[in-house]
Amino acid sequence: MKRILYLLVMVMAIFVLIGCDEDDVIKYTVEFVNTELEVKEVVAGSKVEKPSDPEKLGYIFDDWYEDEDFTKVFDFEKEITKDTKIYALFYITIPKLLELGEDLENNAISSEEYYVKGTVKNITNVEYGNMTITDGENDLFVYGVFSRDGSTKYEGLNEKPVVDDIVYLRGPLKRFNNQLELNNSKLIKFEKGEPTVIDLDEYEEVTILEA
């Protein structure tokens, strides 16, 4: 009988110790902002698993960032040592942006700023960087391109996008002369694009005299 009681006491002691160990484990929350992903609990000093790229109708996912201004990409290899927010950045598609601007009155500017991605189709003002960007099917006029902090206009940028480059911009929407445009945008980043190749077979050969 004493042996049975001893065994019961030992088993209970083990469960108590296990419970204490679980209570002593430090955990932090990880929140994926701008998504519908659930908040995760992560043991202190461990890493959080990188989720699959989230999807959002009318938007293009860019990357995960450490801050709400999207200045530094989040490193999923670093250890979690505090409650953490990871910010998902989405770029709105041009058709979705034009849809949102349908009710904007003439000469009115939207209160919200949008992140927009497109390929530079042409540049009509080399001082301020007025340009048209496209997704291949839909065009959007951009009135003014400045540095990310807004202090430097297009012509003063050390590195600036040109025709065929892919630009990532942020700015409000404006309706001017009943045309929607991205107004005084900030250049977040850009990528060198492939130059447009002209297929000479599509054109008839014309001599100088014929011209």
N, C-alpha and C. Protein backbone atom coordinates (compact mmCIF):
# COMPACT_ATOMS: atom_id res chain seq x y z
N MET A 1 0.83 -1.21 0.00
CA MET A 1 0.00 0.00 0.00
C MET A 1 0.87 1.26 0.00
N LYS A 2 1.91 1.23 0.85
CA LYS A 2 2.81 2.38 0.92
C LYS A 2 3.50 2.60 -0.43
N ARG A 3 3.82 1.46 -1.08
CA ARG A 3 4.50 1.56 -2.38
C ARG A 3 3.58 2.22 -3.40
N ILE A 4 2.30 1.87 -3.37
CA ILE A 4 1.33 2.45 -4.31
C ILE A 4 1.19 3.95 -4.06
N LEU A 5 1.09 4.33 -2.78
CA LEU A 5 0.98 5.75 -2.44
C LEU A 5 2.22 6.51 -2.88
N TYR A 6 3.37 5.87 -2.70
CA TYR A 6 4.63 6.50 -3.10
C TYR A 6 4.65 6.75 -4.61
N LEU A 7 4.19 5.75 -5.38
CA LEU A 7 4.17 5.90 -6.83
C LEU A 7 3.20 7.00 -7.26
N LEU A 8 2.04 7.08 -6.60
CA LEU A 8 1.07 8.12 -6.92
C LEU A 8 1.64 9.51 -6.65
N VAL A 9 2.33 9.63 -5.52
CA VAL A 9 2.95 10.92 -5.18
C VAL A 9 4.00 11.31 -6.22
N MET A 10 4.79 10.34 -6.66
CA MET A 10 5.83 10.60 -7.65
C MET A 10 5.23 11.04 -8.98
N VAL A 11 4.15 10.36 -9.39
CA VAL A 11 3.49 10.71 -10.66
C VAL A 11 2.93 12.13 -10.59
N MET A 12 2.27 12.46 -9.46
CA MET A 12 1.72 13.79 -9.29
C MET A 12 2.82 14.85 -9.30
N ALA A 13 3.94 14.53 -8.69
CA ALA A 13 5.06 15.47 -8.64
C ALA A 13 5.60 15.74 -10.04
N ILE A 14 5.66 14.68 -10.86
CA ILE A 14 6.15 14.84 -12.24
C ILE A 14 5.23 15.76 -13.03
N PHE A 15 3.90 15.55 -12.88
CA PHE A 15 2.94 16.41 -13.59
C PHE A 15 3.05 17.86 -13.14
N VAL A 16 3.27 18.06 -11.86
CA VAL A 16 3.42 19.42 -11.33
C VAL A 16 4.65 20.09 -11.93
N LEU A 17 5.75 19.33 -11.99
CA LEU A 17 6.99 19.88 -12.55
C LEU A 17 6.83 20.21 -14.03
N ILE A 18 6.14 19.32 -14.76
CA ILE A 18 5.91 19.58 -16.19
C ILE A 18 5.08 20.84 -16.37
N GLY A 19 4.04 20.97 -15.54
CA GLY A 19 3.18 22.14 -15.61
C GLY A 19 3.95 23.41 -15.32
N CYS A 20 4.84 23.35 -14.34
CA CYS A 20 5.65 24.52 -14.00
C CYS A 20 6.57 24.90 -15.14
N ASP A 21 7.15 23.87 -15.79
CA ASP A 21 8.06 24.15 -16.91
C ASP A 21 7.32 24.85 -18.05
N GLU A 22 6.08 24.40 -18.33
CA GLU A 22 5.31 25.02 -19.40
C GLU A 22 4.97 26.46 -19.06
N ASP A 23 4.66 26.71 -17.78
CA ASP A 23 4.32 28.06 -17.37
C ASP A 23 5.52 28.98 -17.45
N ASP A 24 6.71 28.42 -17.26
CA ASP A 24 7.93 29.23 -17.25
C ASP A 24 8.42 29.57 -18.66
N VAL A 25 7.88 28.92 -19.69
CA VAL A 25 8.31 29.18 -21.06
C VAL A 25 7.83 30.56 -21.49
N ILE A 26 8.75 31.39 -21.96
CA ILE A 26 8.40 32.74 -22.42
C ILE A 26 8.01 32.68 -23.89
N LYS A 27 6.86 33.26 -24.20
CA LYS A 27 6.39 33.29 -25.58
C LYS A 27 6.05 34.72 -25.98
N TYR A 28 6.20 34.98 -27.27
CA TYR A 28 5.86 36.30 -27.82
C TYR A 28 4.85 36.14 -28.95
N THR A 29 4.07 37.17 -29.16
CA THR A 29 3.09 37.14 -30.25
C THR A 29 3.71 37.74 -31.52
N VAL A 30 3.33 37.17 -32.65
CA VAL A 30 3.76 37.68 -33.95
C VAL A 30 2.50 37.96 -34.76
N GLU A 31 2.33 39.23 -35.14
CA GLU A 31 1.14 39.65 -35.88
C GLU A 31 1.52 40.01 -37.31
N PHE A 32 0.77 39.50 -38.27
CA PHE A 32 1.00 39.79 -39.68
C PHE A 32 0.02 40.88 -40.11
N VAL A 33 0.48 42.11 -40.05
CA VAL A 33 -0.37 43.27 -40.29
C VAL A 33 -0.76 43.37 -41.77
N ASN A 34 -1.97 43.86 -42.02
CA ASN A 34 -2.53 44.03 -43.37
C ASN A 34 -2.94 42.71 -44.01
N THR A 35 -3.05 41.66 -43.21
CA THR A 35 -3.49 40.37 -43.73
C THR A 35 -4.55 39.79 -42.80
N GLU A 36 -5.13 38.68 -43.22
CA GLU A 36 -6.11 37.98 -42.40
C GLU A 36 -5.49 36.79 -41.67
N LEU A 37 -4.17 36.70 -41.69
CA LEU A 37 -3.48 35.61 -41.01
C LEU A 37 -3.64 35.72 -39.50
N GLU A 38 -3.73 34.59 -38.84
CA GLU A 38 -3.90 34.57 -37.39
C GLU A 38 -2.60 34.98 -36.69
N VAL A 39 -2.76 35.58 -35.52
CA VAL A 39 -1.61 35.92 -34.69
C VAL A 39 -0.97 34.63 -34.19
N LYS A 40 0.36 34.56 -34.25
CA LYS A 40 1.07 33.37 -33.80
C LYS A 40 1.76 33.62 -32.47
N GLU A 41 1.90 32.54 -31.69
CA GLU A 41 2.70 32.59 -30.47
C GLU A 41 4.00 31.85 -30.75
N VAL A 42 5.12 32.50 -30.44
CA VAL A 42 6.43 31.93 -30.73
C VAL A 42 7.26 31.91 -29.45
N VAL A 43 7.92 30.80 -29.21
CA VAL A 43 8.79 30.69 -28.04
C VAL A 43 9.95 31.66 -28.18
N ALA A 44 10.27 32.37 -27.11
CA ALA A 44 11.35 33.35 -27.13
C ALA A 44 12.65 32.72 -27.63
N GLY A 45 13.31 33.42 -28.55
CA GLY A 45 14.58 32.93 -29.07
C GLY A 45 14.45 32.04 -30.29
N SER A 46 13.22 31.70 -30.66
CA SER A 46 13.02 30.87 -31.85
C SER A 46 12.64 31.76 -33.03
N LYS A 47 12.46 31.16 -34.19
CA LYS A 47 12.13 31.91 -35.40
C LYS A 47 10.66 31.67 -35.76
N VAL A 48 10.08 32.64 -36.46
CA VAL A 48 8.73 32.47 -36.94
C VAL A 48 8.79 32.01 -38.40
N GLU A 49 7.95 31.06 -38.72
CA GLU A 49 7.95 30.53 -40.09
C GLU A 49 7.37 31.56 -41.05
N LYS A 50 8.04 31.72 -42.18
CA LYS A 50 7.56 32.67 -43.20
C LYS A 50 6.30 32.11 -43.85
N PRO A 51 5.21 32.88 -43.81
CA PRO A 51 3.97 32.37 -44.41
C PRO A 51 4.01 32.45 -45.94
N SER A 52 3.07 31.77 -46.56
CA SER A 52 2.93 31.89 -48.01
C SER A 52 2.51 33.32 -48.35
N ASP A 53 2.84 33.75 -49.55
CA ASP A 53 2.46 35.10 -49.97
C ASP A 53 0.95 35.26 -49.91
N PRO A 54 0.47 36.26 -49.17
CA PRO A 54 -0.98 36.47 -49.08
C PRO A 54 -1.55 37.02 -50.38
N GLU A 55 -2.82 36.77 -50.60
CA GLU A 55 -3.49 37.27 -51.80
C GLU A 55 -4.58 38.26 -51.41
N LYS A 56 -4.74 39.26 -52.26
CA LYS A 56 -5.74 40.30 -52.02
C LYS A 56 -6.24 40.77 -53.38
N LEU A 57 -7.53 40.64 -53.61
CA LEU A 57 -8.11 40.94 -54.92
C LEU A 57 -7.84 42.39 -55.31
N GLY A 58 -7.24 42.58 -56.48
CA GLY A 58 -6.96 43.92 -56.97
C GLY A 58 -5.62 44.47 -56.51
N TYR A 59 -4.83 43.63 -55.83
CA TYR A 59 -3.55 44.08 -55.30
C TYR A 59 -2.47 43.04 -55.60
N ILE A 60 -1.22 43.50 -55.61
CA ILE A 60 -0.07 42.63 -55.85
C ILE A 60 0.80 42.63 -54.60
N PHE A 61 1.04 41.46 -54.03
CA PHE A 61 1.88 41.38 -52.83
C PHE A 61 3.33 41.68 -53.19
N ASP A 62 3.98 42.50 -52.34
CA ASP A 62 5.37 42.88 -52.58
C ASP A 62 6.32 42.09 -51.68
N ASP A 63 6.21 42.30 -50.35
CA ASP A 63 7.12 41.62 -49.42
C ASP A 63 6.66 41.88 -47.99
N TRP A 64 7.40 41.26 -47.04
CA TRP A 64 7.15 41.46 -45.61
C TRP A 64 8.17 42.46 -45.07
N TYR A 65 7.71 43.41 -44.25
CA TYR A 65 8.59 44.47 -43.76
C TYR A 65 8.55 44.57 -42.23
N GLU A 66 9.62 45.15 -41.68
CA GLU A 66 9.73 45.31 -40.23
C GLU A 66 8.91 46.47 -39.70
N ASP A 67 8.64 47.46 -40.55
CA ASP A 67 8.01 48.69 -40.09
C ASP A 67 6.84 49.08 -40.98
N GLU A 68 5.97 49.93 -40.44
CA GLU A 68 4.77 50.32 -41.16
C GLU A 68 5.05 51.26 -42.33
N ASP A 69 6.27 51.80 -42.41
CA ASP A 69 6.65 52.64 -43.55
C ASP A 69 7.32 51.82 -44.65
N PHE A 70 7.46 50.53 -44.41
CA PHE A 70 8.00 49.59 -45.41
C PHE A 70 9.40 50.00 -45.88
N THR A 71 10.28 50.27 -44.93
CA THR A 71 11.64 50.68 -45.30
C THR A 71 12.66 49.54 -45.20
N LYS A 72 12.33 48.48 -44.43
CA LYS A 72 13.28 47.39 -44.25
C LYS A 72 12.56 46.05 -44.31
N VAL A 73 13.03 45.19 -45.20
CA VAL A 73 12.41 43.86 -45.36
C VAL A 73 12.67 43.03 -44.10
N PHE A 74 11.64 42.31 -43.66
CA PHE A 74 11.76 41.51 -42.44
C PHE A 74 12.63 40.28 -42.70
N ASP A 75 13.52 39.99 -41.75
CA ASP A 75 14.42 38.84 -41.84
C ASP A 75 13.83 37.68 -41.04
N PHE A 76 13.34 36.67 -41.73
CA PHE A 76 12.71 35.54 -41.05
C PHE A 76 13.74 34.59 -40.43
N GLU A 77 15.02 34.90 -40.58
CA GLU A 77 16.06 34.07 -39.97
C GLU A 77 16.45 34.59 -38.58
N LYS A 78 15.95 35.74 -38.21
CA LYS A 78 16.32 36.29 -36.91
C LYS A 78 15.41 35.74 -35.81
N GLU A 79 15.93 35.71 -34.59
CA GLU A 79 15.19 35.18 -33.46
C GLU A 79 14.18 36.22 -32.96
N ILE A 80 13.05 35.72 -32.49
CA ILE A 80 12.00 36.59 -31.94
C ILE A 80 12.28 36.81 -30.45
N THR A 81 12.48 38.07 -30.07
CA THR A 81 12.82 38.39 -28.68
C THR A 81 11.82 39.35 -28.04
N LYS A 82 10.73 39.63 -28.74
CA LYS A 82 9.69 40.52 -28.21
C LYS A 82 8.44 40.35 -29.06
N ASP A 83 7.31 40.90 -28.59
CA ASP A 83 6.11 40.90 -29.41
C ASP A 83 6.41 41.64 -30.71
N THR A 84 6.04 41.04 -31.82
CA THR A 84 6.50 41.54 -33.12
C THR A 84 5.35 41.72 -34.10
N LYS A 85 5.43 42.81 -34.85
CA LYS A 85 4.50 43.03 -35.96
C LYS A 85 5.28 42.96 -37.26
N ILE A 86 4.75 42.19 -38.21
CA ILE A 86 5.36 42.07 -39.53
C ILE A 86 4.35 42.61 -40.53
N TYR A 87 4.80 43.57 -41.34
CA TYR A 87 3.88 44.31 -42.20
C TYR A 87 3.94 43.81 -43.65
N ALA A 88 2.78 43.46 -44.17
CA ALA A 88 2.67 43.04 -45.57
C ALA A 88 2.41 44.27 -46.44
N LEU A 89 3.19 44.41 -47.50
CA LEU A 89 2.99 45.53 -48.43
C LEU A 89 2.36 45.02 -49.72
N PHE A 90 1.26 45.68 -50.09
CA PHE A 90 0.57 45.36 -51.33
C PHE A 90 0.60 46.58 -52.25
N TYR A 91 0.81 46.34 -53.53
CA TYR A 91 0.69 47.40 -54.53
C TYR A 91 -0.64 47.23 -55.25
N ILE A 92 -1.39 48.31 -55.33
CA ILE A 92 -2.69 48.25 -55.97
C ILE A 92 -2.52 48.17 -57.49
N THR A 93 -3.35 47.39 -58.15
CA THR A 93 -3.28 47.31 -59.61
C THR A 93 -3.89 48.58 -60.20
N ILE A 94 -3.47 48.92 -61.41
CA ILE A 94 -3.99 50.13 -62.05
C ILE A 94 -5.51 50.06 -62.25
N PRO A 95 -6.07 48.93 -62.71
CA PRO A 95 -7.54 48.87 -62.85
C PRO A 95 -8.26 49.10 -61.53
N LYS A 96 -7.74 48.53 -60.44
CA LYS A 96 -8.37 48.71 -59.13
C LYS A 96 -8.28 50.17 -58.69
N LEU A 97 -7.14 50.80 -58.95
CA LEU A 97 -6.96 52.21 -58.58
C LEU A 97 -7.94 53.10 -59.35
N LEU A 98 -8.08 52.84 -60.64
CA LEU A 98 -9.02 53.63 -61.45
C LEU A 98 -10.45 53.42 -60.98
N GLU A 99 -10.74 52.21 -60.53
CA GLU A 99 -12.08 51.91 -60.00
C GLU A 99 -12.35 52.71 -58.72
N LEU A 100 -11.34 52.77 -57.84
CA LEU A 100 -11.51 53.50 -56.59
C LEU A 100 -11.66 55.01 -56.82
N GLY A 101 -11.12 55.48 -57.95
CA GLY A 101 -11.17 56.92 -58.22
C GLY A 101 -12.38 57.37 -59.00
N GLU A 102 -13.29 56.45 -59.29
CA GLU A 102 -14.46 56.79 -60.11
C GLU A 102 -15.31 57.89 -59.49
N ASP A 103 -15.43 57.91 -58.18
CA ASP A 103 -16.30 58.88 -57.51
C ASP A 103 -15.56 60.15 -57.09
N LEU A 104 -14.28 60.25 -57.45
CA LEU A 104 -13.51 61.44 -57.08
C LEU A 104 -13.94 62.62 -57.94
N GLU A 105 -14.26 63.73 -57.30
CA GLU A 105 -14.72 64.91 -58.03
C GLU A 105 -13.56 65.60 -58.74
N ASN A 106 -13.88 66.41 -59.76
CA ASN A 106 -12.85 67.09 -60.53
C ASN A 106 -12.04 68.03 -59.64
N ASN A 107 -10.71 67.97 -59.79
CA ASN A 107 -9.74 68.75 -59.01
C ASN A 107 -9.63 68.31 -57.55
N ALA A 108 -10.29 67.23 -57.19
CA ALA A 108 -10.20 66.71 -55.82
C ALA A 108 -9.05 65.72 -55.72
N ILE A 109 -8.45 65.64 -54.53
CA ILE A 109 -7.35 64.73 -54.26
C ILE A 109 -7.78 63.76 -53.17
N SER A 110 -7.48 62.50 -53.35
CA SER A 110 -7.88 61.49 -52.36
C SER A 110 -7.12 61.70 -51.05
N SER A 111 -7.78 61.38 -49.94
CA SER A 111 -7.13 61.50 -48.63
C SER A 111 -6.14 60.37 -48.40
N GLU A 112 -6.33 59.28 -49.10
CA GLU A 112 -5.45 58.11 -48.95
C GLU A 112 -4.36 58.12 -50.01
N GLU A 113 -3.18 57.65 -49.63
CA GLU A 113 -2.10 57.47 -50.59
C GLU A 113 -2.01 55.99 -50.96
N TYR A 114 -1.72 55.73 -52.22
CA TYR A 114 -1.72 54.36 -52.74
C TYR A 114 -0.31 53.97 -53.20
N TYR A 115 0.00 52.70 -52.98
CA TYR A 115 1.23 52.12 -53.53
C TYR A 115 0.88 51.52 -54.88
N VAL A 116 1.56 51.98 -55.94
CA VAL A 116 1.23 51.58 -57.30
C VAL A 116 2.49 51.11 -58.02
N LYS A 117 2.33 50.07 -58.81
CA LYS A 117 3.44 49.51 -59.59
C LYS A 117 3.10 49.57 -61.07
N GLY A 118 4.08 49.93 -61.90
CA GLY A 118 3.84 49.95 -63.34
C GLY A 118 5.13 50.13 -64.11
N THR A 119 5.06 49.92 -65.40
CA THR A 119 6.21 50.10 -66.29
C THR A 119 6.13 51.47 -66.94
N VAL A 120 7.24 52.19 -66.94
CA VAL A 120 7.27 53.54 -67.52
C VAL A 120 7.07 53.44 -69.03
N LYS A 121 6.01 54.07 -69.50
CA LYS A 121 5.69 54.05 -70.93
C LYS A 121 6.29 55.25 -71.64
N ASN A 122 6.22 56.40 -71.00
CA ASN A 122 6.86 57.60 -71.55
C ASN A 122 7.06 58.61 -70.43
N ILE A 123 7.95 59.57 -70.65
CA ILE A 123 8.21 60.66 -69.71
C ILE A 123 8.03 61.96 -70.46
N THR A 124 7.12 62.80 -69.98
CA THR A 124 6.78 64.03 -70.70
C THR A 124 7.38 65.28 -70.06
N ASN A 125 7.96 65.14 -68.87
CA ASN A 125 8.59 66.28 -68.21
C ASN A 125 9.78 65.76 -67.42
N VAL A 126 11.00 66.10 -67.90
CA VAL A 126 12.21 65.55 -67.28
C VAL A 126 12.60 66.29 -66.00
N GLU A 127 11.96 67.42 -65.73
CA GLU A 127 12.25 68.14 -64.49
C GLU A 127 11.50 67.52 -63.32
N TYR A 128 10.21 67.33 -63.50
CA TYR A 128 9.38 66.80 -62.42
C TYR A 128 9.05 65.32 -62.58
N GLY A 129 9.40 64.76 -63.72
CA GLY A 129 9.18 63.34 -63.91
C GLY A 129 7.75 62.95 -64.22
N ASN A 130 7.01 63.87 -64.86
CA ASN A 130 5.67 63.49 -65.30
C ASN A 130 5.80 62.32 -66.28
N MET A 131 5.03 61.28 -66.05
CA MET A 131 5.18 60.08 -66.87
C MET A 131 3.87 59.32 -66.95
N THR A 132 3.81 58.42 -67.89
CA THR A 132 2.70 57.47 -67.98
C THR A 132 3.24 56.09 -67.66
N ILE A 133 2.57 55.40 -66.75
CA ILE A 133 2.97 54.02 -66.44
C ILE A 133 1.87 53.09 -66.92
N THR A 134 2.23 51.85 -67.14
CA THR A 134 1.27 50.89 -67.68
C THR A 134 1.48 49.51 -67.09
N ASP A 135 0.42 48.71 -67.11
CA ASP A 135 0.55 47.30 -66.73
C ASP A 135 0.51 46.41 -67.97
N GLY A 136 0.58 47.06 -69.14
CA GLY A 136 0.52 46.35 -70.40
C GLY A 136 -0.82 46.51 -71.09
N GLU A 137 -1.86 46.77 -70.29
CA GLU A 137 -3.20 46.96 -70.84
C GLU A 137 -3.83 48.28 -70.41
N ASN A 138 -3.50 48.71 -69.19
CA ASN A 138 -4.09 49.92 -68.63
C ASN A 138 -3.00 50.94 -68.33
N ASP A 139 -3.27 52.20 -68.64
CA ASP A 139 -2.30 53.27 -68.42
C ASP A 139 -2.74 54.17 -67.27
N LEU A 140 -1.76 54.80 -66.62
CA LEU A 140 -2.03 55.76 -65.56
C LEU A 140 -1.02 56.90 -65.68
N PHE A 141 -1.53 58.13 -65.71
CA PHE A 141 -0.64 59.29 -65.77
C PHE A 141 -0.16 59.64 -64.36
N VAL A 142 1.12 59.92 -64.25
CA VAL A 142 1.73 60.28 -62.97
C VAL A 142 2.23 61.72 -63.07
N TYR A 143 1.65 62.58 -62.24
CA TYR A 143 2.05 63.99 -62.26
C TYR A 143 3.07 64.23 -61.14
N GLY A 144 4.34 64.21 -61.50
CA GLY A 144 5.41 64.48 -60.54
C GLY A 144 5.90 63.23 -59.83
N VAL A 145 7.22 63.03 -59.88
CA VAL A 145 7.87 61.93 -59.16
C VAL A 145 8.99 62.52 -58.31
N PHE A 146 8.96 62.25 -57.02
CA PHE A 146 9.94 62.79 -56.08
C PHE A 146 10.64 61.65 -55.34
N SER A 147 11.69 62.00 -54.62
CA SER A 147 12.38 61.01 -53.79
C SER A 147 11.43 60.48 -52.73
N ARG A 148 11.82 59.41 -52.09
CA ARG A 148 10.93 58.77 -51.11
C ARG A 148 10.51 59.72 -50.00
N ASP A 149 11.41 60.61 -49.58
CA ASP A 149 11.06 61.56 -48.51
C ASP A 149 10.43 62.84 -49.05
N GLY A 150 10.30 62.94 -50.37
CA GLY A 150 9.63 64.08 -50.98
C GLY A 150 10.48 65.32 -51.13
N SER A 151 11.77 65.24 -50.79
CA SER A 151 12.61 66.44 -50.79
C SER A 151 13.27 66.74 -52.14
N THR A 152 13.34 65.74 -53.01
CA THR A 152 14.07 65.91 -54.27
C THR A 152 13.18 65.55 -55.45
N LYS A 153 13.08 66.47 -56.41
CA LYS A 153 12.26 66.17 -57.58
C LYS A 153 13.04 65.28 -58.56
N TYR A 154 12.35 64.81 -59.54
CA TYR A 154 12.86 63.78 -60.45
C TYR A 154 14.24 64.11 -61.03
N GLU A 155 14.42 65.32 -61.55
CA GLU A 155 15.68 65.64 -62.23
C GLU A 155 16.88 65.62 -61.28
N GLY A 156 16.64 65.77 -59.97
CA GLY A 156 17.73 65.79 -59.00
C GLY A 156 18.06 64.44 -58.40
N LEU A 157 17.33 63.41 -58.77
CA LEU A 157 17.59 62.07 -58.23
C LEU A 157 18.91 61.53 -58.77
N ASN A 158 19.71 60.93 -57.90
CA ASN A 158 20.98 60.34 -58.33
C ASN A 158 20.74 59.19 -59.30
N GLU A 159 19.75 58.39 -59.00
CA GLU A 159 19.35 57.31 -59.89
C GLU A 159 17.87 57.47 -60.15
N LYS A 160 17.50 57.49 -61.40
CA LYS A 160 16.10 57.73 -61.74
C LYS A 160 15.62 56.73 -62.78
N PRO A 161 14.35 56.37 -62.72
CA PRO A 161 13.79 55.45 -63.72
C PRO A 161 13.62 56.13 -65.07
N VAL A 162 13.75 55.34 -66.11
CA VAL A 162 13.54 55.82 -67.48
C VAL A 162 12.52 54.91 -68.15
N VAL A 163 12.25 55.18 -69.41
CA VAL A 163 11.28 54.39 -70.15
C VAL A 163 11.64 52.90 -70.11
N ASP A 164 10.65 52.07 -69.89
CA ASP A 164 10.73 50.61 -69.80
C ASP A 164 11.14 50.10 -68.42
N ASP A 165 11.52 51.01 -67.50
CA ASP A 165 11.81 50.57 -66.14
C ASP A 165 10.51 50.32 -65.38
N ILE A 166 10.58 49.47 -64.37
CA ILE A 166 9.42 49.18 -63.52
C ILE A 166 9.53 50.05 -62.27
N VAL A 167 8.51 50.87 -62.02
CA VAL A 167 8.54 51.79 -60.89
C VAL A 167 7.54 51.38 -59.82
N TYR A 168 7.91 51.65 -58.58
CA TYR A 168 7.05 51.42 -57.42
C TYR A 168 6.84 52.79 -56.77
N LEU A 169 5.62 53.29 -56.83
CA LEU A 169 5.33 54.65 -56.41
C LEU A 169 4.29 54.68 -55.29
N ARG A 170 4.28 55.78 -54.54
CA ARG A 170 3.25 56.01 -53.53
C ARG A 170 2.75 57.44 -53.65
N GLY A 171 1.44 57.60 -53.71
CA GLY A 171 0.90 58.94 -53.81
C GLY A 171 -0.62 58.94 -53.81
N PRO A 172 -1.22 60.13 -53.67
CA PRO A 172 -2.68 60.23 -53.71
C PRO A 172 -3.19 60.25 -55.15
N LEU A 173 -4.45 60.00 -55.28
CA LEU A 173 -5.10 60.04 -56.59
C LEU A 173 -5.78 61.39 -56.76
N LYS A 174 -5.67 61.95 -57.96
CA LYS A 174 -6.31 63.24 -58.24
C LYS A 174 -7.05 63.16 -59.57
N ARG A 175 -8.19 63.83 -59.62
CA ARG A 175 -8.90 63.96 -60.89
C ARG A 175 -8.67 65.38 -61.40
N PHE A 176 -7.96 65.49 -62.52
CA PHE A 176 -7.65 66.79 -63.11
C PHE A 176 -8.16 66.81 -64.55
N ASN A 177 -9.00 67.81 -64.85
CA ASN A 177 -9.64 67.87 -66.17
C ASN A 177 -10.34 66.55 -66.49
N ASN A 178 -10.97 66.00 -65.44
CA ASN A 178 -11.73 64.75 -65.56
C ASN A 178 -10.87 63.54 -65.92
N GLN A 179 -9.57 63.66 -65.70
CA GLN A 179 -8.67 62.52 -65.91
C GLN A 179 -8.02 62.16 -64.58
N LEU A 180 -8.01 60.86 -64.26
CA LEU A 180 -7.39 60.42 -63.01
C LEU A 180 -5.88 60.34 -63.18
N GLU A 181 -5.16 60.77 -62.14
CA GLU A 181 -3.71 60.73 -62.17
C GLU A 181 -3.18 60.46 -60.76
N LEU A 182 -1.98 59.92 -60.69
CA LEU A 182 -1.28 59.80 -59.41
C LEU A 182 -0.54 61.11 -59.22
N ASN A 183 -0.79 61.78 -58.09
CA ASN A 183 -0.35 63.17 -57.94
C ASN A 183 0.85 63.29 -57.00
N ASN A 184 1.93 63.94 -57.50
CA ASN A 184 3.13 64.19 -56.68
C ASN A 184 3.55 62.94 -55.91
N SER A 185 3.88 61.91 -56.65
CA SER A 185 4.18 60.61 -56.05
C SER A 185 5.61 60.54 -55.52
N LYS A 186 5.82 59.60 -54.61
CA LYS A 186 7.15 59.33 -54.06
C LYS A 186 7.67 58.04 -54.69
N LEU A 187 8.93 58.05 -55.08
CA LEU A 187 9.55 56.88 -55.69
C LEU A 187 10.05 55.95 -54.59
N ILE A 188 9.41 54.80 -54.43
CA ILE A 188 9.82 53.84 -53.41
C ILE A 188 11.05 53.07 -53.89
N LYS A 189 10.98 52.59 -55.11
CA LYS A 189 12.11 51.88 -55.72
C LYS A 189 11.79 51.71 -57.20
N PHE A 190 12.79 51.25 -57.95
CA PHE A 190 12.53 50.92 -59.35
C PHE A 190 13.48 49.83 -59.79
N GLU A 191 13.08 49.13 -60.84
CA GLU A 191 13.89 48.05 -61.39
C GLU A 191 14.12 48.32 -62.87
N LYS A 192 15.32 48.02 -63.32
CA LYS A 192 15.62 48.21 -64.73
C LYS A 192 14.80 47.22 -65.55
N GLY A 193 14.15 47.74 -66.57
CA GLY A 193 13.31 46.90 -67.42
C GLY A 193 14.00 46.54 -68.72
N GLU A 194 13.36 45.66 -69.45
CA GLU A 194 13.87 45.28 -70.75
C GLU A 194 13.46 46.34 -71.77
N PRO A 195 14.41 46.86 -72.54
CA PRO A 195 14.05 47.87 -73.54
C PRO A 195 13.10 47.31 -74.59
N THR A 196 12.22 48.16 -75.06
CA THR A 196 11.26 47.74 -76.08
C THR A 196 11.98 47.39 -77.37
N VAL A 197 11.69 46.22 -77.89
CA VAL A 197 12.31 45.76 -79.14
C VAL A 197 11.34 45.99 -80.28
N ILE A 198 11.79 46.69 -81.29
CA ILE A 198 10.95 46.97 -82.46
C ILE A 198 11.13 45.86 -83.49
N ASP A 199 10.04 45.25 -83.86
CA ASP A 199 10.07 44.20 -84.88
C ASP A 199 10.03 44.86 -86.25
N LEU A 200 11.17 44.91 -86.92
CA LEU A 200 11.26 45.59 -88.21
C LEU A 200 10.44 44.89 -89.28
N ASP A 201 10.13 43.62 -89.06
CA ASP A 201 9.34 42.89 -90.05
C ASP A 201 7.92 43.43 -90.15
N GLU A 202 7.50 44.17 -89.11
CA GLU A 202 6.14 44.72 -89.12
C GLU A 202 6.05 45.99 -89.96
N TYR A 203 7.19 46.52 -90.36
CA TYR A 203 7.19 47.77 -91.11
C TYR A 203 7.64 47.53 -92.55
N GLU A 204 7.04 48.27 -93.46
CA GLU A 204 7.42 48.17 -94.86
C GLU A 204 8.68 49.00 -95.10
N GLU A 205 9.53 48.50 -95.95
CA GLU A 205 10.74 49.22 -96.30
C GLU A 205 10.38 50.40 -97.21
N VAL A 206 10.80 51.59 -96.82
CA VAL A 206 10.48 52.79 -97.58
C VAL A 206 11.78 53.51 -97.92
N THR A 207 11.97 53.85 -99.16
CA THR A 207 13.17 54.58 -99.57
C THR A 207 12.99 56.06 -99.26
N ILE A 208 14.08 56.80 -99.29
CA ILE A 208 14.02 58.23 -99.00
C ILE A 208 13.13 58.95 -100.00
N LEU A 209 13.22 58.54 -101.28
CA LEU A 209 12.41 59.19 -102.30
C LEU A 209 10.93 58.93 -102.08
N GLU A 210 10.60 57.69 -101.65
CA GLU A 210 9.20 57.34 -101.40
C GLU A 210 8.67 58.10 -100.20
N ALA A 211 9.53 58.32 -99.20
CA ALA A 211 9.10 59.04 -98.01
C ALA A 211 8.84 60.49 -98.34
